[in-house]
Structure formats: structure tokens, C-alpha cells
Amino acid sequence: MATCEIPAVPEVHPALRRRFSPVRFDPDAIVTAAQLDTLLQAAGNAPSAGNSQPWSFIVGRRGDEVHDRIVQYLARSSTAWAPGASLLVVNLAHVRVEDTDNWEYSEFARYDLGQAVAHMTIQGLVLGLDAHQFRAFDRDAVAAEFDVPGHWEVTSMTAFGVAAHAPGEIASPGTSRERAEIDEITWARAGGS
């Protein structure tokens, strides 16, 4: 039996190293239908508990009717930058079994949605798109606007587009690009340092 040697990976992938959450997007950048399909396929390829795939999305491209319907429910803090994104994606989690008040669909639904959104974000980087995930909007109003059934939860939103600024150029007060060190995010680790 042949053994499989795992190749050494010396550093984080360059696309992930350059990832940041822009607060200004190029107003001329357009996400094509093919790029959108690729983002959604990436989300669909994310792992989920029992292959339940407890995610769904409401997608608006800048200038279309769905985008306009989403924008009206943004919080003041996100209206300064999110409408300029090429694409706004509302991220939904399947949280309860249909026609029940308290039967949980999957205890991992929000975690699995997060995986799907992360897959979309990474795929966006490959396509040359930056992403900003956020929660500054009226979740209940978005759910009502799009007739989201009660067993689904409007959880978060992602803005996709081409950043119109460098990672540190525009920063919100109190924010930093500094990342925690490996030993700060690790409780226990096999194999030493």
C-alpha cells in the first residue's frame, strides 16, 4: 500500500492574506451572471451536518429591483457603503422544521450557513471580488419584504464587489487589521510549535 505524503504548505494562500472587508466599492464593477452562479455554486459545495444544506440566499445586483428592495432596510451605518456594492446577498438559515414553533431543523444551521458564506467569500476572492459580511440591517423587515417563511431566519448579509480602497486606507473608528496570533486562538495544539 502506497503512503500519501501531505505537501508542506509554507504560508496562507495569497488570496486569503489579502482578504479584508471594504467599505467603498468600485461603482463601475459589475458582477456577471456567470460570476454570480459561480458564487452560489461555491456556497452549495460547502459542508453541512447530514448534508442538510440549511442555507438560502436573496440576491440583488446593483441597479436591479431586488437590490433596491434590500437597500431600503440597511441600517444607517451600512447605507454609507453597502449600496455601492455590485452585489448584495441576504444569507438565510433554515432554523426550524416547517409548521412547528420549536422543533430545531439542525443545531448546526447557522454554523453551516457560515461555511456556505465563507465558501462564497473565498470564491469571490478567486474571481477578483472583495466581500464585506455584515449585520447592520433590519432582519425582520427584510423577511417581511421577501415573504421569508417563519422556519427560515434572515441571519446576515454579504456585499460583493471590487474594493475602491486599500485594506488600511479607510477604517472605521476602533477597528484594526491586526490579527490574533496562532497561540492566542489555540487552546491546545498537538506537535508543539
N, C-alpha and C. Protein backbone atom coordinates (compact mmCIF):
# COMPACT_ATOMS: atom_id res chain seq x y z
N MET A 1 0.84 -1.17 0.00
CA MET A 1 0.00 0.00 0.00
C MET A 1 0.89 1.25 0.00
N ALA A 2 0.62 2.13 -0.91
CA ALA A 2 1.40 3.36 -1.02
C ALA A 2 0.94 4.36 0.04
N THR A 3 1.91 5.07 0.58
CA THR A 3 1.56 6.10 1.55
C THR A 3 1.42 7.44 0.83
N CYS A 4 0.58 8.26 1.34
CA CYS A 4 0.34 9.58 0.77
C CYS A 4 1.04 10.60 1.65
N GLU A 5 1.95 11.32 1.05
CA GLU A 5 2.66 12.36 1.80
C GLU A 5 1.94 13.68 1.60
N ILE A 6 1.66 14.33 2.70
CA ILE A 6 0.99 15.63 2.64
C ILE A 6 2.04 16.70 2.36
N PRO A 7 1.82 17.47 1.29
CA PRO A 7 2.81 18.51 0.97
C PRO A 7 2.84 19.60 2.04
N ALA A 8 4.01 20.15 2.24
CA ALA A 8 4.15 21.26 3.20
C ALA A 8 3.53 22.51 2.60
N VAL A 9 2.81 23.22 3.40
CA VAL A 9 2.21 24.48 2.99
C VAL A 9 2.90 25.58 3.79
N PRO A 10 3.78 26.36 3.15
CA PRO A 10 4.58 27.31 3.90
C PRO A 10 3.83 28.56 4.38
N GLU A 11 2.72 28.89 3.75
CA GLU A 11 2.04 30.13 4.15
C GLU A 11 0.58 30.08 3.74
N VAL A 12 -0.18 30.99 4.29
CA VAL A 12 -1.59 31.12 3.94
C VAL A 12 -1.69 31.54 2.48
N HIS A 13 -2.70 31.04 1.79
CA HIS A 13 -2.89 31.36 0.38
C HIS A 13 -2.94 32.89 0.19
N PRO A 14 -2.29 33.40 -0.86
CA PRO A 14 -2.25 34.85 -1.07
C PRO A 14 -3.64 35.51 -1.12
N ALA A 15 -4.63 34.84 -1.69
CA ALA A 15 -5.97 35.43 -1.75
C ALA A 15 -6.52 35.64 -0.35
N LEU A 16 -6.28 34.69 0.56
CA LEU A 16 -6.76 34.82 1.93
C LEU A 16 -5.96 35.86 2.70
N ARG A 17 -4.67 35.99 2.39
CA ARG A 17 -3.84 37.01 3.06
C ARG A 17 -4.32 38.43 2.72
N ARG A 18 -4.80 38.62 1.49
CA ARG A 18 -5.22 39.96 1.07
C ARG A 18 -6.68 40.27 1.43
N ARG A 19 -7.41 39.29 1.95
CA ARG A 19 -8.83 39.47 2.26
C ARG A 19 -9.03 40.56 3.31
N PHE A 20 -9.97 41.44 3.05
CA PHE A 20 -10.39 42.44 4.02
C PHE A 20 -11.83 42.81 3.71
N SER A 21 -12.45 43.57 4.57
CA SER A 21 -13.84 43.98 4.40
C SER A 21 -13.90 45.43 3.93
N PRO A 22 -14.04 45.65 2.63
CA PRO A 22 -14.04 47.02 2.12
C PRO A 22 -15.28 47.81 2.56
N VAL A 23 -15.11 49.10 2.67
CA VAL A 23 -16.24 49.99 2.97
C VAL A 23 -16.46 51.00 1.84
N ARG A 24 -15.85 50.75 0.71
CA ARG A 24 -16.11 51.52 -0.50
C ARG A 24 -15.84 50.59 -1.68
N PHE A 25 -16.80 50.53 -2.61
CA PHE A 25 -16.70 49.65 -3.76
C PHE A 25 -16.63 50.44 -5.05
N ASP A 26 -15.97 49.88 -6.05
CA ASP A 26 -15.86 50.48 -7.38
C ASP A 26 -17.26 50.55 -7.99
N PRO A 27 -17.78 51.75 -8.28
CA PRO A 27 -19.14 51.86 -8.80
C PRO A 27 -19.29 51.35 -10.23
N ASP A 28 -18.18 51.12 -10.92
CA ASP A 28 -18.24 50.62 -12.30
C ASP A 28 -18.10 49.11 -12.39
N ALA A 29 -17.72 48.45 -11.30
CA ALA A 29 -17.53 47.00 -11.32
C ALA A 29 -18.88 46.29 -11.32
N ILE A 30 -19.00 45.32 -12.18
CA ILE A 30 -20.24 44.56 -12.34
C ILE A 30 -19.96 43.09 -12.05
N VAL A 31 -20.82 42.45 -11.30
CA VAL A 31 -20.77 41.01 -11.11
C VAL A 31 -21.65 40.41 -12.20
N THR A 32 -21.05 39.59 -13.05
CA THR A 32 -21.79 38.99 -14.16
C THR A 32 -22.67 37.85 -13.66
N ALA A 33 -23.60 37.45 -14.49
CA ALA A 33 -24.48 36.31 -14.15
C ALA A 33 -23.64 35.05 -13.94
N ALA A 34 -22.60 34.86 -14.74
CA ALA A 34 -21.74 33.68 -14.59
C ALA A 34 -20.98 33.73 -13.28
N GLN A 35 -20.48 34.91 -12.89
CA GLN A 35 -19.79 35.04 -11.61
C GLN A 35 -20.74 34.77 -10.45
N LEU A 36 -21.96 35.29 -10.55
CA LEU A 36 -22.95 35.05 -9.51
C LEU A 36 -23.25 33.56 -9.38
N ASP A 37 -23.44 32.89 -10.50
CA ASP A 37 -23.68 31.44 -10.47
C ASP A 37 -22.52 30.70 -9.81
N THR A 38 -21.30 31.14 -10.10
CA THR A 38 -20.12 30.51 -9.50
C THR A 38 -20.09 30.73 -7.99
N LEU A 39 -20.43 31.93 -7.53
CA LEU A 39 -20.50 32.19 -6.10
C LEU A 39 -21.53 31.27 -5.43
N LEU A 40 -22.70 31.13 -6.04
CA LEU A 40 -23.75 30.30 -5.47
C LEU A 40 -23.38 28.81 -5.51
N GLN A 41 -22.68 28.39 -6.57
CA GLN A 41 -22.20 27.01 -6.63
C GLN A 41 -21.18 26.75 -5.53
N ALA A 42 -20.32 27.72 -5.27
CA ALA A 42 -19.34 27.58 -4.19
C ALA A 42 -20.06 27.40 -2.85
N ALA A 43 -21.09 28.20 -2.62
CA ALA A 43 -21.88 28.05 -1.39
C ALA A 43 -22.49 26.66 -1.32
N GLY A 44 -23.02 26.19 -2.43
CA GLY A 44 -23.64 24.87 -2.48
C GLY A 44 -22.69 23.73 -2.23
N ASN A 45 -21.41 23.96 -2.43
CA ASN A 45 -20.40 22.92 -2.19
C ASN A 45 -19.89 22.89 -0.76
N ALA A 46 -20.38 23.79 0.08
CA ALA A 46 -19.93 23.83 1.47
C ALA A 46 -20.42 22.59 2.21
N PRO A 47 -19.65 22.14 3.22
CA PRO A 47 -20.11 21.00 4.02
C PRO A 47 -21.25 21.43 4.95
N SER A 48 -22.11 20.47 5.30
CA SER A 48 -23.18 20.74 6.26
C SER A 48 -23.52 19.46 7.00
N ALA A 49 -24.04 19.60 8.20
CA ALA A 49 -24.38 18.45 9.03
C ALA A 49 -25.42 17.59 8.31
N GLY A 50 -25.09 16.32 8.12
CA GLY A 50 -26.01 15.40 7.44
C GLY A 50 -26.35 15.82 6.02
N ASN A 51 -25.51 16.63 5.41
CA ASN A 51 -25.75 17.19 4.08
C ASN A 51 -27.10 17.91 4.01
N SER A 52 -27.48 18.55 5.12
CA SER A 52 -28.78 19.22 5.20
C SER A 52 -28.85 20.49 4.37
N GLN A 53 -27.71 21.12 4.12
CA GLN A 53 -27.64 22.35 3.32
C GLN A 53 -28.68 23.37 3.77
N PRO A 54 -28.62 23.79 5.04
CA PRO A 54 -29.65 24.67 5.59
C PRO A 54 -29.43 26.14 5.28
N TRP A 55 -29.23 26.46 4.03
CA TRP A 55 -28.96 27.84 3.63
C TRP A 55 -29.77 28.21 2.40
N SER A 56 -30.02 29.48 2.29
CA SER A 56 -30.66 30.02 1.10
C SER A 56 -30.23 31.49 1.01
N PHE A 57 -30.44 32.10 -0.15
CA PHE A 57 -29.94 33.45 -0.38
C PHE A 57 -30.95 34.28 -1.15
N ILE A 58 -30.99 35.55 -0.83
CA ILE A 58 -31.72 36.55 -1.62
C ILE A 58 -30.63 37.41 -2.25
N VAL A 59 -30.62 37.49 -3.57
CA VAL A 59 -29.51 38.11 -4.28
C VAL A 59 -29.98 39.31 -5.09
N GLY A 60 -29.34 40.44 -4.85
CA GLY A 60 -29.63 41.65 -5.62
C GLY A 60 -28.37 42.20 -6.25
N ARG A 61 -28.43 42.42 -7.56
CA ARG A 61 -27.31 43.06 -8.26
C ARG A 61 -27.59 44.55 -8.34
N ARG A 62 -26.55 45.37 -8.09
CA ARG A 62 -26.71 46.82 -8.08
C ARG A 62 -27.49 47.26 -9.32
N GLY A 63 -28.54 48.05 -9.09
CA GLY A 63 -29.36 48.55 -10.19
C GLY A 63 -30.60 47.74 -10.47
N ASP A 64 -30.71 46.52 -9.90
CA ASP A 64 -31.92 45.74 -10.16
C ASP A 64 -32.93 45.93 -9.03
N GLU A 65 -34.12 45.44 -9.23
CA GLU A 65 -35.23 45.63 -8.30
C GLU A 65 -34.98 44.96 -6.95
N VAL A 66 -34.37 43.78 -6.95
CA VAL A 66 -34.10 43.08 -5.69
C VAL A 66 -33.09 43.88 -4.86
N HIS A 67 -32.05 44.39 -5.49
CA HIS A 67 -31.05 45.21 -4.81
C HIS A 67 -31.73 46.42 -4.16
N ASP A 68 -32.61 47.10 -4.91
CA ASP A 68 -33.31 48.26 -4.39
C ASP A 68 -34.18 47.90 -3.19
N ARG A 69 -34.82 46.74 -3.24
CA ARG A 69 -35.67 46.30 -2.13
C ARG A 69 -34.84 45.99 -0.89
N ILE A 70 -33.64 45.47 -1.07
CA ILE A 70 -32.75 45.18 0.06
C ILE A 70 -32.24 46.48 0.69
N VAL A 71 -31.77 47.39 -0.15
CA VAL A 71 -31.12 48.62 0.31
C VAL A 71 -32.01 49.43 1.26
N GLN A 72 -33.31 49.42 1.05
CA GLN A 72 -34.19 50.24 1.89
C GLN A 72 -34.19 49.82 3.36
N TYR A 73 -33.67 48.63 3.67
CA TYR A 73 -33.67 48.14 5.05
C TYR A 73 -32.29 48.14 5.69
N LEU A 74 -31.31 48.74 5.03
CA LEU A 74 -29.99 48.85 5.62
C LEU A 74 -30.01 49.83 6.79
N ALA A 75 -29.22 49.54 7.80
CA ALA A 75 -29.05 50.48 8.92
C ALA A 75 -28.24 51.68 8.44
N ARG A 76 -28.33 52.77 9.17
CA ARG A 76 -27.63 53.99 8.75
C ARG A 76 -26.13 53.74 8.57
N SER A 77 -25.54 52.94 9.45
CA SER A 77 -24.10 52.69 9.36
C SER A 77 -23.70 51.97 8.08
N SER A 78 -24.58 51.15 7.53
CA SER A 78 -24.23 50.43 6.30
C SER A 78 -24.73 51.14 5.04
N THR A 79 -25.63 52.12 5.18
CA THR A 79 -26.08 52.85 3.98
C THR A 79 -24.98 53.70 3.39
N ALA A 80 -23.94 53.98 4.17
CA ALA A 80 -22.83 54.80 3.68
C ALA A 80 -21.98 54.06 2.65
N TRP A 81 -22.00 52.72 2.65
CA TRP A 81 -21.12 51.98 1.76
C TRP A 81 -21.78 50.79 1.04
N ALA A 82 -22.69 50.08 1.68
CA ALA A 82 -23.24 48.85 1.10
C ALA A 82 -24.00 49.04 -0.21
N PRO A 83 -24.78 50.12 -0.41
CA PRO A 83 -25.49 50.25 -1.68
C PRO A 83 -24.56 50.30 -2.90
N GLY A 84 -23.32 50.71 -2.71
CA GLY A 84 -22.37 50.77 -3.82
C GLY A 84 -21.77 49.44 -4.22
N ALA A 85 -22.02 48.39 -3.44
CA ALA A 85 -21.50 47.06 -3.78
C ALA A 85 -22.18 46.56 -5.05
N SER A 86 -21.45 45.80 -5.82
CA SER A 86 -22.01 45.24 -7.05
C SER A 86 -23.13 44.25 -6.78
N LEU A 87 -23.05 43.62 -5.62
CA LEU A 87 -23.97 42.53 -5.28
C LEU A 87 -24.26 42.56 -3.79
N LEU A 88 -25.53 42.48 -3.42
CA LEU A 88 -25.91 42.30 -2.02
C LEU A 88 -26.58 40.94 -1.89
N VAL A 89 -26.09 40.16 -0.95
CA VAL A 89 -26.62 38.80 -0.74
C VAL A 89 -27.13 38.72 0.70
N VAL A 90 -28.42 38.44 0.85
CA VAL A 90 -29.00 38.20 2.17
C VAL A 90 -28.85 36.70 2.44
N ASN A 91 -28.27 36.38 3.59
CA ASN A 91 -27.96 34.99 3.95
C ASN A 91 -29.01 34.48 4.93
N LEU A 92 -29.67 33.38 4.56
CA LEU A 92 -30.74 32.81 5.37
C LEU A 92 -30.36 31.42 5.88
N ALA A 93 -30.76 31.13 7.12
CA ALA A 93 -30.53 29.82 7.72
C ALA A 93 -31.87 29.14 7.97
N HIS A 94 -31.94 27.85 7.64
CA HIS A 94 -33.13 27.03 7.90
C HIS A 94 -33.04 26.59 9.36
N VAL A 95 -33.78 27.26 10.26
CA VAL A 95 -33.59 27.05 11.70
C VAL A 95 -34.63 26.16 12.36
N ARG A 96 -35.84 26.09 11.80
CA ARG A 96 -36.87 25.25 12.41
C ARG A 96 -37.52 24.37 11.35
N VAL A 97 -38.10 23.26 11.81
CA VAL A 97 -38.87 22.40 10.93
C VAL A 97 -40.14 23.15 10.54
N GLU A 98 -40.51 23.08 9.29
CA GLU A 98 -41.67 23.80 8.80
C GLU A 98 -42.92 23.42 9.58
N ASP A 99 -43.78 24.41 9.82
CA ASP A 99 -45.05 24.24 10.53
C ASP A 99 -44.91 23.83 11.99
N THR A 100 -43.77 24.16 12.59
CA THR A 100 -43.59 23.95 14.03
C THR A 100 -43.06 25.23 14.64
N ASP A 101 -43.29 25.40 15.93
CA ASP A 101 -42.79 26.59 16.59
C ASP A 101 -41.43 26.39 17.22
N ASN A 102 -41.12 25.17 17.61
CA ASN A 102 -39.89 25.00 18.38
C ASN A 102 -39.06 23.77 18.02
N TRP A 103 -39.36 23.07 16.97
CA TRP A 103 -38.52 21.95 16.56
C TRP A 103 -37.37 22.48 15.72
N GLU A 104 -36.19 22.33 16.26
CA GLU A 104 -35.00 22.82 15.57
C GLU A 104 -34.72 21.97 14.34
N TYR A 105 -34.50 22.62 13.21
CA TYR A 105 -34.19 21.89 11.97
C TYR A 105 -32.82 21.23 12.08
N SER A 106 -31.85 21.99 12.51
CA SER A 106 -30.50 21.48 12.72
C SER A 106 -29.81 22.40 13.71
N GLU A 107 -29.21 21.82 14.73
CA GLU A 107 -28.50 22.66 15.70
C GLU A 107 -27.28 23.33 15.07
N PHE A 108 -26.91 22.90 13.88
CA PHE A 108 -25.74 23.45 13.19
C PHE A 108 -26.11 24.38 12.04
N ALA A 109 -27.39 24.76 11.91
CA ALA A 109 -27.85 25.52 10.74
C ALA A 109 -27.06 26.81 10.54
N ARG A 110 -26.88 27.58 11.59
CA ARG A 110 -26.17 28.86 11.44
C ARG A 110 -24.69 28.63 11.17
N TYR A 111 -24.11 27.63 11.80
CA TYR A 111 -22.71 27.28 11.54
C TYR A 111 -22.56 26.88 10.07
N ASP A 112 -23.46 26.03 9.59
CA ASP A 112 -23.39 25.58 8.20
C ASP A 112 -23.59 26.75 7.22
N LEU A 113 -24.51 27.66 7.55
CA LEU A 113 -24.67 28.86 6.72
C LEU A 113 -23.37 29.63 6.68
N GLY A 114 -22.71 29.76 7.82
CA GLY A 114 -21.42 30.46 7.87
C GLY A 114 -20.39 29.81 6.95
N GLN A 115 -20.40 28.47 6.90
CA GLN A 115 -19.49 27.77 5.99
C GLN A 115 -19.82 28.12 4.53
N ALA A 116 -21.10 28.13 4.20
CA ALA A 116 -21.51 28.44 2.83
C ALA A 116 -21.09 29.86 2.45
N VAL A 117 -21.30 30.81 3.38
CA VAL A 117 -20.91 32.19 3.11
C VAL A 117 -19.39 32.31 2.98
N ALA A 118 -18.66 31.58 3.83
CA ALA A 118 -17.19 31.59 3.72
C ALA A 118 -16.75 31.05 2.37
N HIS A 119 -17.41 29.98 1.90
CA HIS A 119 -17.07 29.44 0.57
C HIS A 119 -17.33 30.49 -0.52
N MET A 120 -18.44 31.21 -0.41
CA MET A 120 -18.73 32.27 -1.38
C MET A 120 -17.66 33.36 -1.32
N THR A 121 -17.27 33.72 -0.11
CA THR A 121 -16.26 34.77 0.07
C THR A 121 -14.94 34.38 -0.56
N ILE A 122 -14.50 33.15 -0.32
CA ILE A 122 -13.23 32.68 -0.90
C ILE A 122 -13.35 32.59 -2.41
N GLN A 123 -14.47 32.08 -2.92
CA GLN A 123 -14.66 32.02 -4.37
C GLN A 123 -14.65 33.42 -4.95
N GLY A 124 -15.24 34.37 -4.23
CA GLY A 124 -15.20 35.76 -4.69
C GLY A 124 -13.78 36.26 -4.84
N LEU A 125 -12.93 35.94 -3.86
CA LEU A 125 -11.52 36.35 -3.95
C LEU A 125 -10.87 35.79 -5.21
N VAL A 126 -11.17 34.54 -5.53
CA VAL A 126 -10.62 33.91 -6.74
C VAL A 126 -11.10 34.64 -7.99
N LEU A 127 -12.33 35.15 -7.94
CA LEU A 127 -12.90 35.87 -9.09
C LEU A 127 -12.49 37.35 -9.13
N GLY A 128 -11.73 37.79 -8.11
CA GLY A 128 -11.31 39.19 -8.05
C GLY A 128 -12.33 40.07 -7.35
N LEU A 129 -13.22 39.46 -6.58
CA LEU A 129 -14.25 40.21 -5.86
C LEU A 129 -13.92 40.24 -4.37
N ASP A 130 -14.12 41.37 -3.76
CA ASP A 130 -13.97 41.50 -2.32
C ASP A 130 -15.34 41.36 -1.69
N ALA A 131 -15.37 41.03 -0.40
CA ALA A 131 -16.64 40.83 0.29
C ALA A 131 -16.60 41.48 1.66
N HIS A 132 -17.75 41.98 2.06
CA HIS A 132 -17.91 42.55 3.40
C HIS A 132 -19.17 41.92 3.99
N GLN A 133 -18.97 41.08 5.01
CA GLN A 133 -20.10 40.46 5.69
C GLN A 133 -20.56 41.39 6.81
N PHE A 134 -21.88 41.52 6.97
CA PHE A 134 -22.37 42.46 7.97
C PHE A 134 -23.77 42.09 8.46
N ARG A 135 -24.18 42.77 9.51
CA ARG A 135 -25.47 42.53 10.14
C ARG A 135 -26.24 43.83 10.39
N ALA A 136 -25.78 44.94 9.86
CA ALA A 136 -26.40 46.25 10.10
C ALA A 136 -27.55 46.48 9.13
N PHE A 137 -28.66 45.80 9.40
CA PHE A 137 -29.89 45.97 8.61
C PHE A 137 -31.04 45.41 9.43
N ASP A 138 -32.25 45.70 9.01
CA ASP A 138 -33.45 45.27 9.72
C ASP A 138 -33.84 43.87 9.22
N ARG A 139 -33.48 42.86 10.01
CA ARG A 139 -33.73 41.47 9.60
C ARG A 139 -35.22 41.18 9.45
N ASP A 140 -36.03 41.66 10.39
CA ASP A 140 -37.47 41.39 10.32
C ASP A 140 -38.10 42.03 9.09
N ALA A 141 -37.69 43.25 8.77
CA ALA A 141 -38.24 43.95 7.60
C ALA A 141 -37.84 43.25 6.30
N VAL A 142 -36.61 42.76 6.22
CA VAL A 142 -36.18 42.02 5.03
C VAL A 142 -36.99 40.73 4.90
N ALA A 143 -37.20 40.04 6.02
CA ALA A 143 -38.00 38.81 5.99
C ALA A 143 -39.42 39.09 5.49
N ALA A 144 -40.01 40.18 5.97
CA ALA A 144 -41.36 40.54 5.53
C ALA A 144 -41.38 40.95 4.06
N GLU A 145 -40.39 41.74 3.65
CA GLU A 145 -40.32 42.22 2.26
C GLU A 145 -40.28 41.06 1.26
N PHE A 146 -39.55 40.00 1.61
CA PHE A 146 -39.35 38.88 0.68
C PHE A 146 -40.17 37.64 1.07
N ASP A 147 -41.15 37.81 1.96
CA ASP A 147 -42.03 36.72 2.38
C ASP A 147 -41.26 35.48 2.80
N VAL A 148 -40.23 35.68 3.63
CA VAL A 148 -39.42 34.57 4.12
C VAL A 148 -40.26 33.79 5.13
N PRO A 149 -40.47 32.49 4.92
CA PRO A 149 -41.26 31.69 5.86
C PRO A 149 -40.64 31.69 7.26
N GLY A 150 -41.46 31.52 8.28
CA GLY A 150 -41.03 31.61 9.66
C GLY A 150 -40.00 30.59 10.09
N HIS A 151 -39.89 29.48 9.36
CA HIS A 151 -38.89 28.47 9.74
C HIS A 151 -37.50 28.80 9.17
N TRP A 152 -37.40 29.89 8.43
CA TRP A 152 -36.12 30.40 7.94
C TRP A 152 -35.79 31.66 8.71
N GLU A 153 -34.50 31.92 8.91
CA GLU A 153 -34.03 33.11 9.61
C GLU A 153 -33.16 33.95 8.68
N VAL A 154 -33.51 35.22 8.55
CA VAL A 154 -32.63 36.16 7.87
C VAL A 154 -31.49 36.41 8.87
N THR A 155 -30.28 35.96 8.53
CA THR A 155 -29.19 35.92 9.50
C THR A 155 -28.18 37.04 9.32
N SER A 156 -27.72 37.24 8.10
CA SER A 156 -26.67 38.23 7.83
C SER A 156 -26.74 38.64 6.38
N MET A 157 -25.80 39.47 5.97
CA MET A 157 -25.74 39.92 4.59
C MET A 157 -24.28 39.99 4.16
N THR A 158 -24.04 39.82 2.87
CA THR A 158 -22.69 39.96 2.32
C THR A 158 -22.76 40.90 1.12
N ALA A 159 -21.88 41.88 1.10
CA ALA A 159 -21.73 42.78 -0.04
C ALA A 159 -20.52 42.32 -0.83
N PHE A 160 -20.68 42.12 -2.14
CA PHE A 160 -19.60 41.71 -3.02
C PHE A 160 -19.34 42.81 -4.04
N GLY A 161 -18.09 43.00 -4.38
CA GLY A 161 -17.71 43.95 -5.41
C GLY A 161 -16.20 44.07 -5.46
N VAL A 162 -15.72 45.07 -6.15
CA VAL A 162 -14.29 45.34 -6.22
C VAL A 162 -14.01 46.52 -5.29
N ALA A 163 -13.13 46.31 -4.34
CA ALA A 163 -12.81 47.36 -3.37
C ALA A 163 -12.26 48.59 -4.09
N ALA A 164 -12.69 49.77 -3.64
CA ALA A 164 -12.21 51.02 -4.21
C ALA A 164 -11.19 51.68 -3.29
N HIS A 165 -10.62 50.89 -2.39
CA HIS A 165 -9.59 51.39 -1.48
C HIS A 165 -8.73 50.23 -1.02
N ALA A 166 -7.56 50.53 -0.52
CA ALA A 166 -6.65 49.52 0.00
C ALA A 166 -7.09 49.11 1.40
N PRO A 167 -6.63 47.95 1.89
CA PRO A 167 -7.07 47.45 3.19
C PRO A 167 -7.00 48.42 4.36
N GLY A 168 -5.99 49.21 4.53
CA GLY A 168 -5.91 50.09 5.68
C GLY A 168 -6.30 51.52 5.41
N GLU A 169 -6.66 51.82 4.16
CA GLU A 169 -6.90 53.20 3.75
C GLU A 169 -8.11 53.82 4.43
N ILE A 170 -9.18 53.07 4.55
CA ILE A 170 -10.38 53.57 5.21
C ILE A 170 -10.68 52.59 6.33
N ALA A 171 -10.71 53.09 7.52
CA ALA A 171 -11.00 52.23 8.66
C ALA A 171 -12.06 52.88 9.52
N SER A 172 -12.94 52.05 10.04
CA SER A 172 -13.94 52.55 10.99
C SER A 172 -13.24 52.83 12.30
N PRO A 173 -13.72 53.79 13.07
CA PRO A 173 -13.11 54.07 14.37
C PRO A 173 -13.07 52.81 15.25
N GLY A 174 -11.92 52.58 15.84
CA GLY A 174 -11.78 51.44 16.74
C GLY A 174 -11.53 50.11 16.06
N THR A 175 -11.41 50.09 14.73
CA THR A 175 -11.14 48.82 14.05
C THR A 175 -9.66 48.73 13.69
N SER A 176 -9.22 47.51 13.48
CA SER A 176 -7.82 47.27 13.17
C SER A 176 -7.69 46.11 12.21
N ARG A 177 -6.65 46.12 11.39
CA ARG A 177 -6.35 45.00 10.51
C ARG A 177 -5.48 43.95 11.21
N GLU A 178 -5.06 44.24 12.43
CA GLU A 178 -4.22 43.30 13.18
C GLU A 178 -5.01 42.03 13.47
N ARG A 179 -4.34 40.89 13.33
CA ARG A 179 -4.98 39.60 13.57
C ARG A 179 -4.35 38.97 14.81
N ALA A 180 -5.12 38.18 15.53
CA ALA A 180 -4.61 37.47 16.70
C ALA A 180 -3.54 36.47 16.26
N GLU A 181 -2.56 36.26 17.10
CA GLU A 181 -1.50 35.29 16.83
C GLU A 181 -2.05 33.87 17.02
N ILE A 182 -1.37 32.89 16.42
CA ILE A 182 -1.81 31.50 16.50
C ILE A 182 -1.97 31.04 17.94
N ASP A 183 -1.02 31.38 18.81
CA ASP A 183 -1.12 30.92 20.19
C ASP A 183 -2.25 31.61 20.95
N GLU A 184 -2.74 32.73 20.43
CA GLU A 184 -3.87 33.41 21.07
C GLU A 184 -5.22 32.79 20.70
N ILE A 185 -5.27 32.05 19.58
CA ILE A 185 -6.51 31.45 19.14
C ILE A 185 -6.54 29.93 19.33
N THR A 186 -5.52 29.40 19.98
CA THR A 186 -5.39 27.95 20.14
C THR A 186 -5.38 27.57 21.63
N TRP A 187 -6.33 26.75 22.06
CA TRP A 187 -6.37 26.29 23.46
C TRP A 187 -5.35 25.19 23.69
N ALA A 188 -5.29 24.27 22.75
CA ALA A 188 -4.34 23.15 22.83
C ALA A 188 -3.91 22.83 21.42
N ARG A 189 -2.70 22.33 21.31
CA ARG A 189 -2.17 22.09 19.97
C ARG A 189 -1.23 20.89 20.01
N ALA A 190 -1.46 19.93 19.13
CA ALA A 190 -0.60 18.75 19.04
C ALA A 190 0.69 19.10 18.33
N GLY A 191 1.77 18.46 18.69
CA GLY A 191 3.02 18.60 17.97
C GLY A 191 3.86 19.81 18.31
N GLY A 192 3.53 20.54 19.33
CA GLY A 192 4.37 21.69 19.72
C GLY A 192 4.19 22.88 18.81
N SER A 193 5.22 23.71 18.73
CA SER A 193 5.11 24.97 18.00
C SER A 193 5.30 24.84 16.52
